[in-house]
PDB file of N, CA and C in Angstrom:
ATOM      1  N   MET A   1     103.635  34.609 -50.254  1.00  0.00           N
ATOM      2  CA  MET A   1     104.946  34.647 -50.230  1.00  0.00           C
ATOM      3  C   MET A   1     105.522  34.548 -51.635  1.00  0.00           C
ATOM      4  N   GLY A   2     104.697  34.389 -52.643  1.00  0.00           N
ATOM      5  CA  GLY A   2     105.491  34.232 -54.044  1.00  0.00           C
ATOM      6  C   GLY A   2     105.966  35.359 -54.515  1.00  0.00           C
ATOM      7  N   ASN A   3     105.543  36.495 -53.963  1.00  0.00           N
ATOM      8  CA  ASN A   3     105.976  37.683 -54.608  1.00  0.00           C
ATOM      9  C   ASN A   3     106.972  38.216 -53.654  1.00  0.00           C
ATOM     10  N   GLN A   4     107.362  37.624 -52.626  1.00  0.00           N
ATOM     11  CA  GLN A   4     108.223  38.327 -51.374  1.00  0.00           C
ATOM     12  C   GLN A   4     109.626  37.755 -51.948  1.00  0.00           C
ATOM     13  N   ASN A   5     110.625  39.144 -52.019  1.00  0.00           N
ATOM     14  CA  ASN A   5     111.969  38.955 -52.288  1.00  0.00           C
ATOM     15  C   ASN A   5     112.666  38.869 -50.790  1.00  0.00           C
ATOM     16  N   PHE A   6     113.386  37.876 -50.798  1.00  0.00           N
ATOM     17  CA  PHE A   6     114.244  37.549 -49.553  1.00  0.00           C
ATOM     18  C   PHE A   6     115.355  37.778 -50.004  1.00  0.00           C
ATOM     19  N   LEU A   7     116.163  38.940 -49.628  1.00  0.00           N
ATOM     20  CA  LEU A   7     117.344  39.500 -49.978  1.00  0.00           C
ATOM     21  C   LEU A   7     118.393  38.676 -49.106  1.00  0.00           C
ATOM     22  N   THR A   8     119.358  38.257 -49.643  1.00  0.00           N
ATOM     23  CA  THR A   8     120.368  37.552 -48.867  1.00  0.00           C
ATOM     24  C   THR A   8     121.601  38.497 -49.017  1.00  0.00           C
ATOM     25  N   SER A   9     122.503  38.685 -47.916  1.00  0.00           N
ATOM     26  CA  SER A   9     123.673  39.333 -47.963  1.00  0.00           C
ATOM     27  C   SER A   9     124.914  38.524 -48.523  1.00  0.00           C
ATOM     28  N   GLN A  10     125.792  39.416 -49.361  1.00  0.00           N
ATOM     29  CA  GLN A  10     126.747  38.709 -50.084  1.00  0.00           C
ATOM     30  C   GLN A  10     127.993  38.655 -49.096  1.00  0.00           C
ATOM     31  N   GLU A  11     127.978  39.118 -47.801  1.00  0.00           N
ATOM     32  CA  GLU A  11     129.100  39.260 -47.047  1.00  0.00           C
ATOM     33  C   GLU A  11     128.846  37.674 -46.107  1.00  0.00           C
ATOM     34  N   ILE A  12     130.152  37.110 -46.074  1.00  0.00           N
ATOM     35  CA  ILE A  12     130.120  35.812 -45.667  1.00  0.00           C
ATOM     36  C   ILE A  12     129.692  35.866 -44.068  1.00  0.00           C
ATOM     37  N   LYS A  13     130.006  36.648 -43.359  1.00  0.00           N
ATOM     38  CA  LYS A  13     129.688  36.754 -41.771  1.00  0.00           C
ATOM     39  C   LYS A  13     128.032  36.900 -41.657  1.00  0.00           C
ATOM     40  N   LYS A  14     127.631  37.852 -42.507  1.00  0.00           N
ATOM     41  CA  LYS A  14     126.147  38.259 -42.538  1.00  0.00           C
ATOM     42  C   LYS A  14     125.358  36.789 -43.011  1.00  0.00           C
ATOM     43  N   LEU A  15     125.912  36.232 -44.011  1.00  0.00           N
ATOM     44  CA  LEU A  15     125.186  35.044 -44.434  1.00  0.00           C
ATOM     45  C   LEU A  15     125.237  34.060 -43.460  1.00  0.00           C
ATOM     46  N   GLY A  16     126.337  33.725 -42.870  1.00  0.00           N
ATOM     47  CA  GLY A  16     126.319  32.908 -41.741  1.00  0.00           C
ATOM     48  C   GLY A  16     125.429  33.160 -40.524  1.00  0.00           C
ATOM     49  N   ASN A  17     125.386  34.349 -40.321  1.00  0.00           N
ATOM     50  CA  ASN A  17     124.221  34.632 -39.200  1.00  0.00           C
ATOM     51  C   ASN A  17     122.778  34.353 -39.728  1.00  0.00           C
ATOM     52  N   GLU A  18     122.591  34.683 -40.976  1.00  0.00           N
ATOM     53  CA  GLU A  18     121.353  34.318 -41.597  1.00  0.00           C
ATOM     54  C   GLU A  18     120.964  32.923 -41.446  1.00  0.00           C
ATOM     55  N   ILE A  19     121.910  32.060 -41.852  1.00  0.00           N
ATOM     56  CA  ILE A  19     121.650  30.795 -41.706  1.00  0.00           C
ATOM     57  C   ILE A  19     121.515  30.061 -40.289  1.00  0.00           C
ATOM     58  N   ALA A  20     122.485  30.770 -39.496  1.00  0.00           N
ATOM     59  CA  ALA A  20     122.053  30.346 -38.038  1.00  0.00           C
ATOM     60  C   ALA A  20     120.727  30.805 -37.565  1.00  0.00           C
ATOM     61  N   CYS A  21     120.266  31.783 -38.030  1.00  0.00           N
ATOM     62  CA  CYS A  21     118.751  32.078 -37.628  1.00  0.00           C
ATOM     63  C   CYS A  21     117.851  31.104 -38.222  1.00  0.00           C
ATOM     64  N   LEU A  22     118.211  30.825 -39.348  1.00  0.00           N
ATOM     65  CA  LEU A  22     117.244  29.554 -39.985  1.00  0.00           C
ATOM     66  C   LEU A  22     117.356  28.383 -39.270  1.00  0.00           C
ATOM     67  N   LYS A  23     118.416  28.172 -38.814  1.00  0.00           N
ATOM     68  CA  LYS A  23     118.456  26.818 -38.025  1.00  0.00           C
ATOM     69  C   LYS A  23     117.757  26.921 -36.759  1.00  0.00           C
ATOM     70  N   MET A  24     117.843  27.958 -36.112  1.00  0.00           N
ATOM     71  CA  MET A  24     117.046  28.223 -34.990  1.00  0.00           C
ATOM     72  C   MET A  24     115.644  28.219 -35.037  1.00  0.00           C
ATOM     73  N   ILE A  25     115.151  28.921 -36.212  1.00  0.00           N
ATOM     74  CA  ILE A  25     113.704  28.796 -36.626  1.00  0.00           C
ATOM     75  C   ILE A  25     113.182  27.554 -36.878  1.00  0.00           C
ATOM     76  N   VAL A  26     113.937  26.529 -37.628  1.00  0.00           N
ATOM     77  CA  VAL A  26     113.499  25.240 -37.810  1.00  0.00           C
ATOM     78  C   VAL A  26     113.462  24.597 -36.309  1.00  0.00           C
ATOM     79  N   THR A  27     114.460  24.667 -35.690  1.00  0.00           N
ATOM     80  CA  THR A  27     114.427  24.152 -34.400  1.00  0.00           C
ATOM     81  C   THR A  27     113.187  24.322 -33.383  1.00  0.00           C
ATOM     82  N   PHE A  28     112.903  25.768 -33.457  1.00  0.00           N
ATOM     83  CA  PHE A  28     111.616  26.179 -32.720  1.00  0.00           C
ATOM     84  C   PHE A  28     110.508  25.574 -33.262  1.00  0.00           C
ATOM     85  N   MET A  29     110.506  25.549 -34.530  1.00  0.00           N
ATOM     86  CA  MET A  29     109.334  25.155 -35.168  1.00  0.00           C
ATOM     87  C   MET A  29     108.977  23.488 -34.991  1.00  0.00           C
ATOM     88  N   LEU A  30     110.202  22.649 -35.006  1.00  0.00           N
ATOM     89  CA  LEU A  30     110.135  21.270 -34.335  1.00  0.00           C
ATOM     90  C   LEU A  30     109.594  21.156 -33.030  1.00  0.00           C
ATOM     91  N   LYS A  31     110.222  22.047 -32.121  1.00  0.00           N
ATOM     92  CA  LYS A  31     109.643  21.898 -30.907  1.00  0.00           C
ATOM     93  C   LYS A  31     108.245  22.379 -30.598  1.00  0.00           C
ATOM     94  N   MET A  32     107.691  23.064 -31.358  1.00  0.00           N
ATOM     95  CA  MET A  32     106.121  23.416 -31.265  1.00  0.00           C
ATOM     96  C   MET A  32     105.392  22.379 -31.778  1.00  0.00           C
ATOM     97  N   MET A  33     105.954  21.446 -32.626  1.00  0.00           N
ATOM     98  CA  MET A  33     105.135  20.337 -33.313  1.00  0.00           C
ATOM     99  C   MET A  33     104.653  19.319 -32.600  1.00  0.00           C
ATOM    100  N   GLY A  34     105.646  19.124 -31.556  1.00  0.00           N
ATOM    101  CA  GLY A  34     105.540  17.903 -30.751  1.00  0.00           C
ATOM    102  C   GLY A  34     106.518  16.928 -31.203  1.00  0.00           C
ATOM    103  N   GLN A  35     106.731  16.163 -30.132  1.00  0.00           N
ATOM    104  CA  GLN A  35     107.757  15.103 -30.456  1.00  0.00           C
ATOM    105  C   GLN A  35     107.646  14.230 -31.486  1.00  0.00           C
ATOM    106  N   ALA A  36     106.391  13.669 -31.709  1.00  0.00           N
ATOM    107  CA  ALA A  36     106.047  12.579 -32.748  1.00  0.00           C
ATOM    108  C   ALA A  36     106.317  13.056 -34.140  1.00  0.00           C
ATOM    109  N   ASP A  37     105.717  14.258 -34.306  1.00  0.00           N
ATOM    110  CA  ASP A  37     105.586  14.961 -35.508  1.00  0.00           C
ATOM    111  C   ASP A  37     106.892  15.584 -35.944  1.00  0.00           C
ATOM    112  N   ALA A  38     107.693  15.925 -34.962  1.00  0.00           N
ATOM    113  CA  ALA A  38     109.013  16.404 -35.241  1.00  0.00           C
ATOM    114  C   ALA A  38     109.871  15.371 -35.637  1.00  0.00           C
ATOM    115  N   GLY A  39     109.755  14.305 -34.948  1.00  0.00           N
ATOM    116  CA  GLY A  39     110.448  12.869 -35.326  1.00  0.00           C
ATOM    117  C   GLY A  39     110.432  12.592 -36.530  1.00  0.00           C
ATOM    118  N   LYS A  40     109.002  12.711 -37.177  1.00  0.00           N
ATOM    119  CA  LYS A  40     108.834  12.198 -38.518  1.00  0.00           C
ATOM    120  C   LYS A  40     109.506  13.039 -39.549  1.00  0.00           C
ATOM    121  N   VAL A  41     109.526  14.468 -39.190  1.00  0.00           N
ATOM    122  CA  VAL A  41     110.251  15.468 -40.049  1.00  0.00           C
ATOM    123  C   VAL A  41     111.512  15.184 -40.191  1.00  0.00           C
ATOM    124  N   ILE A  42     112.403  14.982 -39.151  1.00  0.00           N
ATOM    125  CA  ILE A  42     113.578  14.624 -38.976  1.00  0.00           C
ATOM    126  C   ILE A  42     114.019  13.470 -39.952  1.00  0.00           C
ATOM    127  N   ILE A  43     113.088  12.452 -39.695  1.00  0.00           N
ATOM    128  CA  ILE A  43     113.417  11.220 -40.428  1.00  0.00           C
ATOM    129  C   ILE A  43     113.249  11.478 -41.782  1.00  0.00           C
ATOM    130  N   SER A  44     112.432  12.193 -42.300  1.00  0.00           N
ATOM    131  CA  SER A  44     112.095  12.668 -43.746  1.00  0.00           C
ATOM    132  C   SER A  44     113.498  13.267 -44.245  1.00  0.00           C
ATOM    133  N   MET A  45     113.950  14.327 -43.430  1.00  0.00           N
ATOM    134  CA  MET A  45     115.064  14.981 -43.722  1.00  0.00           C
ATOM    135  C   MET A  45     116.087  14.176 -44.151  1.00  0.00           C
ATOM    136  N   GLU A  46     116.315  13.138 -43.099  1.00  0.00           N
ATOM    137  CA  GLU A  46     117.526  12.051 -43.143  1.00  0.00           C
ATOM    138  C   GLU A  46     117.412  11.238 -44.370  1.00  0.00           C
ATOM    139  N   ARG A  47     116.118  10.817 -44.714  1.00  0.00           N
ATOM    140  CA  ARG A  47     115.798  10.050 -46.020  1.00  0.00           C
ATOM    141  C   ARG A  47     116.196  10.834 -47.064  1.00  0.00           C
ATOM    142  N   TYR A  48     115.888  11.868 -47.135  1.00  0.00           N
ATOM    143  CA  TYR A  48     116.103  13.088 -48.302  1.00  0.00           C
ATOM    144  C   TYR A  48     117.603  12.992 -48.552  1.00  0.00           C
ATOM    145  N   ILE A  49     118.525  13.128 -47.351  1.00  0.00           N
ATOM    146  CA  ILE A  49     119.839  13.175 -47.570  1.00  0.00           C
ATOM    147  C   ILE A  49     120.360  12.078 -48.131  1.00  0.00           C
ATOM    148  N   GLN A  50     120.031  10.813 -47.882  1.00  0.00           N
ATOM    149  CA  GLN A  50     120.370   9.460 -48.474  1.00  0.00           C
ATOM    150  C   GLN A  50     120.139   9.428 -49.936  1.00  0.00           C
ATOM    151  N   MET A  51     119.191  10.233 -50.487  1.00  0.00           N
ATOM    152  CA  MET A  51     118.890  10.093 -51.926  1.00  0.00           C
ATOM    153  C   MET A  51     119.823  11.037 -52.734  1.00  0.00           C
ATOM    154  N   LEU A  52     120.496  12.032 -51.956  1.00  0.00           N
ATOM    155  CA  LEU A  52     121.389  12.944 -52.657  1.00  0.00           C
ATOM    156  C   LEU A  52     122.299  12.425 -53.353  1.00  0.00           C
ATOM    157  N   ASP A  53     122.632  12.762 -54.648  1.00  0.00           N
ATOM    158  CA  ASP A  53     123.925  12.374 -55.435  1.00  0.00           C
ATOM    159  C   ASP A  53     125.136  13.036 -55.215  1.00  0.00           C
ATOM    160  N   ASP A  54     124.821  14.284 -54.648  1.00  0.00           N
ATOM    161  CA  ASP A  54     126.232  15.169 -54.363  1.00  0.00           C
ATOM    162  C   ASP A  54     126.612  14.982 -52.970  1.00  0.00           C
ATOM    163  N   LYS A  55     127.706  14.132 -52.791  1.00  0.00           N
ATOM    164  CA  LYS A  55     128.046  13.870 -51.501  1.00  0.00           C
ATOM    165  C   LYS A  55     128.673  14.954 -50.888  1.00  0.00           C
ATOM    166  N   VAL A  56     129.120  16.302 -51.323  1.00  0.00           N
ATOM    167  CA  VAL A  56     129.535  17.408 -50.558  1.00  0.00           C
ATOM    168  C   VAL A  56     128.175  17.866 -49.895  1.00  0.00           C
ATOM    169  N   GLN A  57     127.064  18.102 -50.998  1.00  0.00           N
ATOM    170  CA  GLN A  57     125.962  18.720 -50.273  1.00  0.00           C
ATOM    171  C   GLN A  57     125.198  17.796 -49.179  1.00  0.00           C
ATOM    172  N   ALA A  58     125.379  16.632 -49.536  1.00  0.00           N
ATOM    173  CA  ALA A  58     124.727  15.587 -48.418  1.00  0.00           C
ATOM    174  C   ALA A  58     125.354  15.828 -47.097  1.00  0.00           C
ATOM    175  N   GLU A  59     126.754  15.813 -47.130  1.00  0.00           N
ATOM    176  CA  GLU A  59     127.389  15.964 -45.906  1.00  0.00           C
ATOM    177  C   GLU A  59     127.117  17.294 -45.118  1.00  0.00           C
ATOM    178  N   ILE A  60     127.017  18.337 -45.910  1.00  0.00           N
ATOM    179  CA  ILE A  60     126.603  19.650 -45.468  1.00  0.00           C
ATOM    180  C   ILE A  60     125.092  19.464 -44.718  1.00  0.00           C
ATOM    181  N   PHE A  61     124.311  18.972 -45.408  1.00  0.00           N
ATOM    182  CA  PHE A  61     123.011  18.649 -44.975  1.00  0.00           C
ATOM    183  C   PHE A  61     123.053  17.823 -43.790  1.00  0.00           C
ATOM    184  N   ARG A  62     123.747  16.838 -43.645  1.00  0.00           N
ATOM    185  CA  ARG A  62     123.778  15.834 -42.532  1.00  0.00           C
ATOM    186  C   ARG A  62     124.201  16.546 -41.302  1.00  0.00           C
ATOM    187  N   ASN A  63     125.301  17.327 -41.514  1.00  0.00           N
ATOM    188  CA  ASN A  63     125.975  18.156 -40.330  1.00  0.00           C
ATOM    189  C   ASN A  63     124.812  19.174 -39.880  1.00  0.00           C
ATOM    190  N   THR A  64     124.031  19.805 -40.813  1.00  0.00           N
ATOM    191  CA  THR A  64     123.165  20.936 -40.450  1.00  0.00           C
ATOM    192  C   THR A  64     122.013  20.041 -39.461  1.00  0.00           C
ATOM    193  N   ILE A  65     121.591  18.934 -40.177  1.00  0.00           N
ATOM    194  CA  ILE A  65     120.355  18.210 -39.343  1.00  0.00           C
ATOM    195  C   ILE A  65     121.077  17.724 -38.117  1.00  0.00           C
ATOM    196  N   MET A  66     122.016  17.227 -37.965  1.00  0.00           N
ATOM    197  CA  MET A  66     122.810  17.102 -36.570  1.00  0.00           C
ATOM    198  C   MET A  66     122.808  18.138 -35.676  1.00  0.00           C
ATOM    199  N   GLN A  67     123.152  19.395 -36.138  1.00  0.00           N
ATOM    200  CA  GLN A  67     123.049  20.542 -35.311  1.00  0.00           C
ATOM    201  C   GLN A  67     121.460  20.799 -34.936  1.00  0.00           C
ATOM    202  N   ILE A  68     120.536  20.608 -35.846  1.00  0.00           N
ATOM    203  CA  ILE A  68     119.450  20.932 -35.427  1.00  0.00           C
ATOM    204  C   ILE A  68     118.910  19.899 -34.373  1.00  0.00           C
ATOM    205  N   LYS A  69     118.941  18.865 -34.554  1.00  0.00           N
ATOM    206  CA  LYS A  69     118.668  17.486 -33.661  1.00  0.00           C
ATOM    207  C   LYS A  69     119.240  17.743 -32.470  1.00  0.00           C
ATOM    208  N   ALA A  70     120.520  18.267 -32.204  1.00  0.00           N
ATOM    209  CA  ALA A  70     121.278  18.591 -30.915  1.00  0.00           C
ATOM    210  C   ALA A  70     120.520  19.792 -30.038  1.00  0.00           C
ATOM    211  N   ALA A  71     120.196  20.745 -30.953  1.00  0.00           N
ATOM    212  CA  ALA A  71     119.624  21.876 -30.435  1.00  0.00           C
ATOM    213  C   ALA A  71     118.081  21.549 -30.072  1.00  0.00           C
ATOM    214  N   TYR A  72     117.449  20.736 -30.701  1.00  0.00           N
ATOM    215  CA  TYR A  72     116.138  20.348 -30.484  1.00  0.00           C
ATOM    216  C   TYR A  72     116.069  19.498 -29.138  1.00  0.00           C
ATOM    217  N   SER A  73     117.058  18.631 -28.857  1.00  0.00           N
ATOM    218  CA  SER A  73     117.122  17.604 -27.698  1.00  0.00           C
ATOM    219  C   SER A  73     117.433  18.412 -26.350  1.00  0.00           C
ATOM    220  N   GLN A  74     117.820  19.614 -26.494  1.00  0.00           N
ATOM    221  CA  GLN A  74     118.281  20.523 -25.244  1.00  0.00           C
ATOM    222  C   GLN A  74     117.259  20.965 -24.530  1.00  0.00           C
TER     223      GLN A  74
END
């Protein structure tokens, strides 16, 4: 994967769709891991957010994790 070039659209709507797709992929990956391991991953992500100095970025990450957790629990 080191040589793979992942092109990202410059259009806001397409970029938003790409991000939504990535959130869905993460959610499906967590579901396939099993509850115990997925819980560990989520806890690790939440700990990482607490260490961020950039409060705006931390809030964006926090909202993203909340969305993934909600989708995971469905």
